[in-house]
Amino acid sequence: MPLRTTKDSFSVGRTVLTPHERETADELDRLDPHFGGLYRQGLEFCQHIDEPGVVYLLAHAGREIGNGLVRLLSADGLAPSEEELEGVA
């Protein structure tokens, strides 16, 4: 499963994004490029969901997006710091 680090707003690996998925990815990119990247990778993971460990990676990506969006849209509105991002990896 190839992991891509660059944004391609029309496809993810072998997955062609639907208009709704593309709009979601673009909006997540607008808020924070890490969210858009996690979303696109999550879509790629869905193609390999039966492989061992993939479901955990997908759950982690979803949790990171959810937690990050709550923090970003909360009263403080701060994106994660570089130290916080390094701790996620």
Protein backbone atom coordinates (compact mmCIF):
# COMPACT_ATOMS: atom_id res chain seq x y z
CA MET A 1 0.00 0.00 0.00
CA PRO A 2 1.80 3.14 -1.16
CA LEU A 3 1.71 6.08 1.21
CA ARG A 4 1.67 9.41 -0.54
CA THR A 5 2.70 12.67 1.05
CA THR A 6 1.60 15.10 -1.64
CA LYS A 7 -1.92 16.41 -2.18
CA ASP A 8 -3.77 15.26 -5.26
CA SER A 9 -7.28 16.68 -5.13
CA PHE A 10 -8.62 14.20 -7.67
CA SER A 11 -7.25 10.85 -6.57
CA VAL A 12 -5.72 8.98 -3.69
CA GLY A 13 -3.43 6.21 -4.82
CA ARG A 14 -5.73 4.12 -6.96
CA THR A 15 -8.90 5.61 -5.44
CA VAL A 16 -10.78 8.24 -7.42
CA LEU A 17 -12.47 10.61 -5.02
CA THR A 18 -16.17 11.29 -5.34
CA PRO A 19 -17.17 14.95 -5.53
CA HIS A 20 -18.22 14.82 -1.86
CA GLU A 21 -14.92 13.22 -0.78
CA ARG A 22 -12.96 15.75 -2.83
CA GLU A 23 -14.90 18.64 -1.25
CA THR A 24 -14.34 17.20 2.24
CA ALA A 25 -10.61 16.72 1.60
CA ASP A 26 -10.25 20.24 0.23
CA GLU A 27 -12.04 21.78 3.23
CA LEU A 28 -9.90 19.77 5.64
CA ASP A 29 -6.80 20.99 3.76
CA ARG A 30 -8.04 24.54 4.14
CA LEU A 31 -8.30 24.09 7.92
CA ASP A 32 -5.04 22.18 8.26
CA PRO A 33 -3.14 20.24 5.58
CA HIS A 34 -2.50 17.43 8.07
CA PHE A 35 -6.26 16.82 8.35
CA GLY A 36 -6.62 16.60 4.57
CA GLY A 37 -3.69 14.20 4.38
CA LEU A 38 -5.09 11.98 7.13
CA TYR A 39 -8.46 11.94 5.39
CA ARG A 40 -6.96 10.95 2.04
CA GLN A 41 -4.82 8.26 3.64
CA GLY A 42 -7.88 6.99 5.50
CA LEU A 43 -9.68 6.59 2.19
CA GLU A 44 -6.70 4.64 0.87
CA PHE A 45 -6.69 2.45 4.00
CA CYS A 46 -10.35 1.58 3.34
CA GLN A 47 -9.26 -0.36 0.25
CA HIS A 48 -7.09 -2.58 2.47
CA ILE A 49 -9.35 -2.85 5.52
CA ASP A 50 -9.03 -6.66 5.71
CA GLU A 51 -5.24 -6.54 6.05
CA PRO A 52 -3.95 -6.95 9.62
CA GLY A 53 -3.56 -3.69 11.49
CA VAL A 54 -5.20 -1.46 8.89
CA VAL A 55 -8.40 -1.01 10.88
CA TYR A 56 -6.34 0.38 13.76
CA LEU A 57 -4.56 2.84 11.46
CA LEU A 58 -7.90 3.96 10.06
CA ALA A 59 -9.33 4.42 13.55
CA HIS A 60 -6.27 6.42 14.57
CA ALA A 61 -6.59 8.71 11.53
CA GLY A 62 -10.26 9.31 12.29
CA ARG A 63 -9.54 10.02 15.95
CA GLU A 64 -6.78 12.49 15.04
CA ILE A 65 -9.04 14.32 12.61
CA GLY A 66 -11.89 14.43 15.11
CA ASN A 67 -9.76 15.59 18.03
CA GLY A 68 -7.92 18.11 15.89
CA LEU A 69 -11.11 19.60 14.49
CA VAL A 70 -12.59 19.97 17.97
CA ARG A 71 -9.46 21.76 19.15
CA LEU A 72 -9.29 23.96 16.05
CA LEU A 73 -12.95 24.94 16.20
CA SER A 74 -13.06 25.36 19.99
CA ALA A 75 -12.68 28.67 21.78
CA ASP A 76 -8.86 28.70 21.59
CA GLY A 77 -8.82 27.75 17.91
CA LEU A 78 -5.17 26.74 17.98
CA ALA A 79 -3.77 24.24 15.52
CA PRO A 80 -1.51 21.57 17.06
CA SER A 81 2.05 22.68 17.75
CA GLU A 82 5.03 21.04 16.05
CA GLU A 83 5.84 19.24 19.34
CA GLU A 84 2.30 17.84 19.50
CA LEU A 85 2.52 16.70 15.88
CA GLU A 86 5.85 14.96 16.55
CA GLY A 87 4.28 13.16 19.51
CA VAL A 88 1.57 11.73 17.24
CA ALA A 89 4.01 10.03 14.88
